[in-house]
Amino acid sequence: MSPSGDRYRVPSGGLPMRAFYLEISAKLIYRSDTDPEDLPADIYSQISEFIRNDEDIIDIEVQALPLPADLGGTASH
C-alpha cells in the first residue's frame, strides 16, 4: 500500500500523516521483576506498541546488563 493509502491516514479519515525518521538513544536504569533473559523482548514489545505498523520499525536493539548490588542491582562486581 502506498504512503497515501488508508493505513497512513489519521483514525478520523483525515489527511495522510507525515512520516519522520527518528533515532532515539537512551541509557536507563530500569527496575523490573521480569526475568533478565526476557527483559529485552519485554522492552521491545513496549516500544513497538507506539508504532502503528511493524514494517516501520527499522531497527531496535535492547541490551540489559545487571547492575551491581551497591547500585541497586543484584550482580556482583
Protein backbone atom coordinates (compact mmCIF):
# COMPACT_ATOMS: atom_id res chain seq x y z
CA MET A 1 0.00 0.00 0.00
CA SER A 2 1.36 3.42 -0.87
CA PRO A 3 2.08 6.16 1.71
CA SER A 4 -1.18 7.82 0.62
CA GLY A 5 -3.12 4.61 1.41
CA ASP A 6 -5.60 4.26 4.26
CA ARG A 7 -3.11 2.81 6.76
CA TYR A 8 -1.31 6.16 6.89
CA ARG A 9 -4.45 8.21 7.49
CA VAL A 10 -5.47 9.51 10.87
CA PRO A 11 -8.20 7.41 12.52
CA SER A 12 -10.86 10.02 11.71
CA GLY A 13 -10.15 9.58 7.97
CA GLY A 14 -8.35 12.91 7.66
CA LEU A 15 -5.30 13.76 5.58
CA PRO A 16 -2.35 11.34 5.35
CA MET A 17 0.09 11.53 8.25
CA ARG A 18 3.60 12.83 7.65
CA ALA A 19 6.44 10.33 8.15
CA PHE A 20 9.65 11.04 10.05
CA TYR A 21 12.86 9.08 10.50
CA LEU A 22 13.73 9.02 14.22
CA GLU A 23 16.86 7.96 16.06
CA ILE A 24 16.50 7.62 19.80
CA SER A 25 19.38 6.89 22.13
CA ALA A 26 18.91 6.36 25.84
CA LYS A 27 20.73 4.78 28.75
CA LEU A 28 18.30 3.95 31.51
CA ILE A 29 18.08 2.21 34.84
CA TYR A 30 15.02 0.03 34.52
CA ARG A 31 13.68 -1.79 37.56
CA SER A 32 11.59 -4.87 36.85
CA ASP A 33 10.64 -8.28 38.22
CA THR A 34 10.93 -9.64 34.67
CA ASP A 35 13.40 -12.49 34.15
CA PRO A 36 16.64 -10.90 32.84
CA GLU A 37 16.57 -13.17 29.76
CA ASP A 38 13.06 -11.92 28.89
CA LEU A 39 13.72 -8.25 29.58
CA PRO A 40 14.94 -7.19 26.08
CA ALA A 41 11.87 -8.76 24.43
CA ASP A 42 9.60 -7.13 27.03
CA ILE A 43 11.11 -3.70 26.39
CA TYR A 44 10.93 -4.22 22.60
CA SER A 45 7.24 -5.09 22.95
CA GLN A 46 6.53 -1.97 24.99
CA ILE A 47 8.33 0.27 22.49
CA SER A 48 6.66 -1.33 19.46
CA GLU A 49 3.20 -0.65 20.94
CA PHE A 50 3.70 3.02 19.99
CA ILE A 51 4.44 2.24 16.31
CA ARG A 52 1.33 1.83 14.16
CA ASN A 53 2.92 -0.51 11.62
CA ASP A 54 5.61 -3.13 12.40
CA GLU A 55 7.05 -2.55 8.91
CA ASP A 56 8.01 0.95 10.05
CA ILE A 57 10.40 -0.42 12.70
CA ILE A 58 13.78 -0.23 11.00
CA ASP A 59 15.91 -1.43 13.91
CA ILE A 60 15.59 -1.70 17.68
CA GLU A 61 18.38 -3.03 19.84
CA VAL A 62 17.82 -3.62 23.54
CA GLN A 63 20.60 -4.77 25.86
CA ALA A 64 20.04 -5.45 29.54
CA LEU A 65 23.04 -5.56 31.85
CA PRO A 66 22.54 -6.32 35.55
CA LEU A 67 23.73 -3.65 37.96
CA PRO A 68 26.00 -4.40 40.94
CA ALA A 69 24.21 -4.67 44.29
CA ASP A 70 25.64 -1.35 45.55
CA LEU A 71 23.91 0.40 42.65
CA GLY A 72 20.55 -1.22 43.37
CA GLY A 73 21.08 -4.37 41.31
CA THR A 74 21.88 -7.97 42.12
CA ALA A 75 25.08 -8.68 40.17
CA SER A 76 28.46 -8.92 41.87
CA HIS A 77 31.28 -6.58 40.73
